[in-house]
């Protein structure tokens, strides 16, 4: 269910991944983390974050 997979904001993604908020912003800006932008709000899917780190997005 989408509601259970959705993470709101960089802070939420930071808490979910254990990475600093600035790293979440940096990886998102570079296109290494999939992000949904609605106005000024950012949303992440847990499944996308998991997949990104399985593929090595955080290693560069």
PDB file of N, CA and C in Angstrom:
ATOM      1  N   UNK A   1       0.852  -1.180   0.000  1.00  0.00           N
ATOM      2  CA  UNK A   1       0.000   0.000   0.000  1.00  0.00           C
ATOM      3  C   UNK A   1       0.897   1.243   0.000  1.00  0.00           C
ATOM      4  N   UNK A   2       0.562   2.202  -0.837  1.00  0.00           N
ATOM      5  CA  UNK A   2       1.374   3.407  -1.005  1.00  0.00           C
ATOM      6  C   UNK A   2       1.562   4.160   0.310  1.00  0.00           C
ATOM      7  N   UNK A   3       0.518   4.244   1.106  1.00  0.00           N
ATOM      8  CA  UNK A   3       0.601   4.986   2.375  1.00  0.00           C
ATOM      9  C   UNK A   3       1.714   4.432   3.266  1.00  0.00           C
ATOM     10  N   UNK A   4       1.881   3.137   3.274  1.00  0.00           N
ATOM     11  CA  UNK A   4       2.905   2.511   4.107  1.00  0.00           C
ATOM     12  C   UNK A   4       4.302   2.641   3.511  1.00  0.00           C
ATOM     13  N   UNK A   5       4.383   2.964   2.222  1.00  0.00           N
ATOM     14  CA  UNK A   5       5.663   3.051   1.525  1.00  0.00           C
ATOM     15  C   UNK A   5       6.177   4.486   1.432  1.00  0.00           C
ATOM     16  N   UNK A   6       5.352   5.463   1.743  1.00  0.00           N
ATOM     17  CA  UNK A   6       5.685   6.866   1.548  1.00  0.00           C
ATOM     18  C   UNK A   6       6.439   7.459   2.740  1.00  0.00           C
ATOM     19  N   UNK A   7       7.505   8.189   2.441  1.00  0.00           N
ATOM     20  CA  UNK A   7       8.282   8.917   3.444  1.00  0.00           C
ATOM     21  C   UNK A   7       8.193  10.390   3.078  1.00  0.00           C
ATOM     22  N   UNK A   8       7.802  11.205   4.015  1.00  0.00           N
ATOM     23  CA  UNK A   8       7.626  12.635   3.765  1.00  0.00           C
ATOM     24  C   UNK A   8       8.869  13.417   4.155  1.00  0.00           C
ATOM     25  N   UNK A   9       9.426  14.134   3.202  1.00  0.00           N
ATOM     26  CA  UNK A   9      10.531  15.047   3.464  1.00  0.00           C
ATOM     27  C   UNK A   9      11.892  14.404   3.567  1.00  0.00           C
ATOM     28  N   UNK A  10      12.910  15.261   3.434  1.00  0.00           N
ATOM     29  CA  UNK A  10      14.291  14.800   3.548  1.00  0.00           C
ATOM     30  C   UNK A  10      14.587  14.300   4.962  1.00  0.00           C
ATOM     31  N   UNK A  11      13.960  14.910   5.955  1.00  0.00           N
ATOM     32  CA  UNK A  11      14.168  14.459   7.330  1.00  0.00           C
ATOM     33  C   UNK A  11      13.666  13.028   7.505  1.00  0.00           C
ATOM     34  N   UNK A  12      12.501  12.744   6.946  1.00  0.00           N
ATOM     35  CA  UNK A  12      11.956  11.389   7.021  1.00  0.00           C
ATOM     36  C   UNK A  12      12.842  10.384   6.306  1.00  0.00           C
ATOM     37  N   UNK A  13      13.346  10.764   5.132  1.00  0.00           N
ATOM     38  CA  UNK A  13      14.254   9.886   4.392  1.00  0.00           C
ATOM     39  C   UNK A  13      15.554   9.694   5.153  1.00  0.00           C
ATOM     40  N   UNK A  14      16.012  10.753   5.809  1.00  0.00           N
ATOM     41  CA  UNK A  14      17.223  10.681   6.619  1.00  0.00           C
ATOM     42  C   UNK A  14      17.041   9.697   7.772  1.00  0.00           C
ATOM     43  N   UNK A  15      15.927   9.799   8.444  1.00  0.00           N
ATOM     44  CA  UNK A  15      15.649   8.896   9.563  1.00  0.00           C
ATOM     45  C   UNK A  15      15.508   7.455   9.081  1.00  0.00           C
ATOM     46  N   UNK A  16      14.893   7.269   7.919  1.00  0.00           N
ATOM     47  CA  UNK A  16      14.690   5.924   7.389  1.00  0.00           C
ATOM     48  C   UNK A  16      16.011   5.280   6.971  1.00  0.00           C
ATOM     49  N   UNK A  17      16.892   6.074   6.328  1.00  0.00           N
ATOM     50  CA  UNK A  17      18.137   5.520   5.807  1.00  0.00           C
ATOM     51  C   UNK A  17      19.302   5.590   6.784  1.00  0.00           C
ATOM     52  N   UNK A  18      19.213   6.508   7.758  1.00  0.00           N
ATOM     53  CA  UNK A  18      20.318   6.705   8.682  1.00  0.00           C
ATOM     54  C   UNK A  18      21.392   7.637   8.131  1.00  0.00           C
ATOM     55  N   UNK A  19      21.101   8.301   7.026  1.00  0.00           N
ATOM     56  CA  UNK A  19      22.044   9.249   6.427  1.00  0.00           C
ATOM     57  C   UNK A  19      21.729  10.666   6.881  1.00  0.00           C
ATOM     58  N   UNK A  20      22.719  11.555   6.860  1.00  0.00           N
ATOM     59  CA  UNK A  20      22.451  12.962   7.180  1.00  0.00           C
ATOM     60  C   UNK A  20      21.482  13.582   6.165  1.00  0.00           C
ATOM     61  N   UNK A  21      20.702  14.539   6.620  1.00  0.00           N
ATOM     62  CA  UNK A  21      19.731  15.206   5.746  1.00  0.00           C
ATOM     63  C   UNK A  21      20.426  15.800   4.530  1.00  0.00           C
ATOM     64  N   UNK A  22      21.563  16.435   4.725  1.00  0.00           N
ATOM     65  CA  UNK A  22      22.276  17.057   3.596  1.00  0.00           C
ATOM     66  C   UNK A  22      22.647  16.026   2.538  1.00  0.00           C
ATOM     67  N   UNK A  23      22.982  14.816   2.956  1.00  0.00           N
ATOM     68  CA  UNK A  23      23.304  13.747   2.008  1.00  0.00           C
ATOM     69  C   UNK A  23      22.071  13.367   1.201  1.00  0.00           C
ATOM     70  N   UNK A  24      20.930  13.324   1.856  1.00  0.00           N
ATOM     71  CA  UNK A  24      19.673  13.024   1.155  1.00  0.00           C
ATOM     72  C   UNK A  24      19.421  14.084   0.086  1.00  0.00           C
ATOM     73  N   UNK A  25      19.565  15.364   0.451  1.00  0.00           N
ATOM     74  CA  UNK A  25      19.390  16.440  -0.531  1.00  0.00           C
ATOM     75  C   UNK A  25      20.390  16.294  -1.678  1.00  0.00           C
ATOM     76  N   UNK A  26      21.639  16.052  -1.339  1.00  0.00           N
ATOM     77  CA  UNK A  26      22.691  15.951  -2.349  1.00  0.00           C
ATOM     78  C   UNK A  26      22.410  14.810  -3.330  1.00  0.00           C
ATOM     79  N   UNK A  27      22.105  13.637  -2.819  1.00  0.00           N
ATOM     80  CA  UNK A  27      21.830  12.489  -3.683  1.00  0.00           C
ATOM     81  C   UNK A  27      20.574  12.716  -4.528  1.00  0.00           C
ATOM     82  N   UNK A  28      19.585  13.376  -3.962  1.00  0.00           N
ATOM     83  CA  UNK A  28      18.353  13.673  -4.699  1.00  0.00           C
ATOM     84  C   UNK A  28      18.627  14.665  -5.824  1.00  0.00           C
ATOM     85  N   UNK A  29      19.388  15.710  -5.515  1.00  0.00           N
ATOM     86  CA  UNK A  29      19.709  16.737  -6.517  1.00  0.00           C
ATOM     87  C   UNK A  29      20.512  16.162  -7.677  1.00  0.00           C
ATOM     88  N   UNK A  30      21.358  15.195  -7.396  1.00  0.00           N
ATOM     89  CA  UNK A  30      22.177  14.571  -8.438  1.00  0.00           C
ATOM     90  C   UNK A  30      21.420  13.476  -9.184  1.00  0.00           C
ATOM     91  N   UNK A  31      20.195  13.193  -8.758  1.00  0.00           N
ATOM     92  CA  UNK A  31      19.398  12.170  -9.424  1.00  0.00           C
ATOM     93  C   UNK A  31      19.726  10.755  -9.003  1.00  0.00           C
ATOM     94  N   UNK A  32      20.443  10.611  -7.893  1.00  0.00           N
ATOM     95  CA  UNK A  32      20.822   9.286  -7.411  1.00  0.00           C
ATOM     96  C   UNK A  32      19.784   8.676  -6.479  1.00  0.00           C
ATOM     97  N   UNK A  33      18.889   9.491  -5.967  1.00  0.00           N
ATOM     98  CA  UNK A  33      17.761   9.009  -5.168  1.00  0.00           C
ATOM     99  C   UNK A  33      16.479   9.471  -5.841  1.00  0.00           C
ATOM    100  N   UNK A  34      15.574   8.542  -6.102  1.00  0.00           N
ATOM    101  CA  UNK A  34      14.296   8.943  -6.685  1.00  0.00           C
ATOM    102  C   UNK A  34      13.487   9.756  -5.680  1.00  0.00           C
ATOM    103  N   UNK A  35      12.960  10.883  -6.122  1.00  0.00           N
ATOM    104  CA  UNK A  35      12.182  11.761  -5.252  1.00  0.00           C
ATOM    105  C   UNK A  35      10.962  12.259  -6.015  1.00  0.00           C
ATOM    106  N   UNK A  36       9.884  12.444  -5.301  1.00  0.00           N
ATOM    107  CA  UNK A  36       8.661  13.024  -5.854  1.00  0.00           C
ATOM    108  C   UNK A  36       8.556  14.426  -5.293  1.00  0.00           C
ATOM    109  N   UNK A  37       8.522  15.422  -6.168  1.00  0.00           N
ATOM    110  CA  UNK A  37       8.426  16.816  -5.731  1.00  0.00           C
ATOM    111  C   UNK A  37       7.021  17.325  -6.005  1.00  0.00           C
ATOM    112  N   UNK A  38       6.381  17.818  -4.966  1.00  0.00           N
ATOM    113  CA  UNK A  38       5.062  18.448  -5.065  1.00  0.00           C
ATOM    114  C   UNK A  38       5.186  19.824  -4.448  1.00  0.00           C
ATOM    115  N   UNK A  39       5.320  20.838  -5.301  1.00  0.00           N
ATOM    116  CA  UNK A  39       5.573  22.179  -4.790  1.00  0.00           C
ATOM    117  C   UNK A  39       6.935  22.199  -4.127  1.00  0.00           C
ATOM    118  N   UNK A  40       6.974  22.635  -2.876  1.00  0.00           N
ATOM    119  CA  UNK A  40       8.229  22.661  -2.123  1.00  0.00           C
ATOM    120  C   UNK A  40       8.433  21.403  -1.294  1.00  0.00           C
ATOM    121  N   UNK A  41       7.490  20.485  -1.359  1.00  0.00           N
ATOM    122  CA  UNK A  41       7.564  19.268  -0.550  1.00  0.00           C
ATOM    123  C   UNK A  41       8.241  18.136  -1.318  1.00  0.00           C
ATOM    124  N   UNK A  42       8.996  17.338  -0.597  1.00  0.00           N
ATOM    125  CA  UNK A  42       9.658  16.165  -1.148  1.00  0.00           C
ATOM    126  C   UNK A  42       9.053  14.916  -0.523  1.00  0.00           C
ATOM    127  N   UNK A  43       8.886  13.908  -1.347  1.00  0.00           N
ATOM    128  CA  UNK A  43       8.384  12.624  -0.882  1.00  0.00           C
ATOM    129  C   UNK A  43       9.257  11.524  -1.467  1.00  0.00           C
ATOM    130  N   UNK A  44       9.503  10.516  -0.674  1.00  0.00           N
ATOM    131  CA  UNK A  44      10.311   9.389  -1.090  1.00  0.00           C
ATOM    132  C   UNK A  44       9.503   8.118  -0.851  1.00  0.00           C
ATOM    133  N   UNK A  45       9.746   7.108  -1.668  1.00  0.00           N
ATOM    134  CA  UNK A  45       9.151   5.799  -1.432  1.00  0.00           C
ATOM    135  C   UNK A  45      10.214   4.917  -0.786  1.00  0.00           C
ATOM    136  N   UNK A  46       9.839   4.259   0.292  1.00  0.00           N
ATOM    137  CA  UNK A  46      10.782   3.380   0.988  1.00  0.00           C
ATOM    138  C   UNK A  46      11.340   2.332   0.032  1.00  0.00           C
ATOM    139  N   UNK A  47      10.481   1.798  -0.829  1.00  0.00           N
ATOM    140  CA  UNK A  47      10.932   0.772  -1.770  1.00  0.00           C
ATOM    141  C   UNK A  47      11.968   1.337  -2.741  1.00  0.00           C
ATOM    142  N   UNK A  48      11.811   2.614  -3.157  1.00  0.00           N
ATOM    143  CA  UNK A  48      12.801   3.251  -4.027  1.00  0.00           C
ATOM    144  C   UNK A  48      14.114   3.493  -3.291  1.00  0.00           C
ATOM    145  N   UNK A  49      14.035   3.920  -2.022  1.00  0.00           N
ATOM    146  CA  UNK A  49      15.246   4.138  -1.237  1.00  0.00           C
ATOM    147  C   UNK A  49      15.993   2.823  -1.049  1.00  0.00           C
ATOM    148  N   UNK A  50      15.257   1.772  -0.717  1.00  0.00           N
ATOM    149  CA  UNK A  50      15.883   0.456  -0.541  1.00  0.00           C
ATOM    150  C   UNK A  50      16.575   0.018  -1.831  1.00  0.00           C
ATOM    151  N   UNK A  51      15.895   0.182  -2.952  1.00  0.00           N
ATOM    152  CA  UNK A  51      16.451  -0.233  -4.247  1.00  0.00           C
ATOM    153  C   UNK A  51      17.675   0.601  -4.614  1.00  0.00           C
ATOM    154  N   UNK A  52      17.633   1.897  -4.326  1.00  0.00           N
ATOM    155  CA  UNK A  52      18.756   2.768  -4.658  1.00  0.00           C
ATOM    156  C   UNK A  52      20.010   2.343  -3.903  1.00  0.00           C
ATOM    157  N   UNK A  53      19.872   1.963  -2.658  1.00  0.00           N
ATOM    158  CA  UNK A  53      21.048   1.584  -1.886  1.00  0.00           C
ATOM    159  C   UNK A  53      21.481   0.156  -2.179  1.00  0.00           C
ATOM    160  N   UNK A  54      20.566  -0.679  -2.595  1.00  0.00           N
ATOM    161  CA  UNK A  54      20.959  -2.016  -3.046  1.00  0.00           C
ATOM    162  C   UNK A  54      21.804  -1.911  -4.312  1.00  0.00           C
ATOM    163  N   UNK A  55      21.494  -0.918  -5.157  1.00  0.00           N
ATOM    164  CA  UNK A  55      22.239  -0.753  -6.413  1.00  0.00           C
ATOM    165  C   UNK A  55      23.502   0.070  -6.221  1.00  0.00           C
ATOM    166  N   UNK A  56      23.733   0.609  -5.026  1.00  0.00           N
ATOM    167  CA  UNK A  56      24.977   1.302  -4.739  1.00  0.00           C
ATOM    168  C   UNK A  56      24.945   2.809  -4.866  1.00  0.00           C
ATOM    169  N   UNK A  57      23.788   3.448  -4.811  1.00  0.00           N
ATOM    170  CA  UNK A  57      23.689   4.903  -4.957  1.00  0.00           C
ATOM    171  C   UNK A  57      24.468   5.635  -3.885  1.00  0.00           C
ATOM    172  N   UNK A  58      24.541   5.106  -2.705  1.00  0.00           N
ATOM    173  CA  UNK A  58      25.223   5.792  -1.618  1.00  0.00           C
ATOM    174  C   UNK A  58      26.734   5.595  -1.615  1.00  0.00           C
ATOM    175  N   UNK A  59      27.263   4.896  -2.613  1.00  0.00           N
ATOM    176  CA  UNK A  59      28.694   4.593  -2.630  1.00  0.00           C
ATOM    177  C   UNK A  59      29.524   5.553  -3.460  1.00  0.00           C
ATOM    178  N   UNK A  60      28.967   6.703  -3.831  1.00  0.00           N
ATOM    179  CA  UNK A  60      29.746   7.557  -4.678  1.00  0.00           C
ATOM    180  C   UNK A  60      29.629   8.946  -4.234  1.00  0.00           C
TER     181      UNK A  60
END
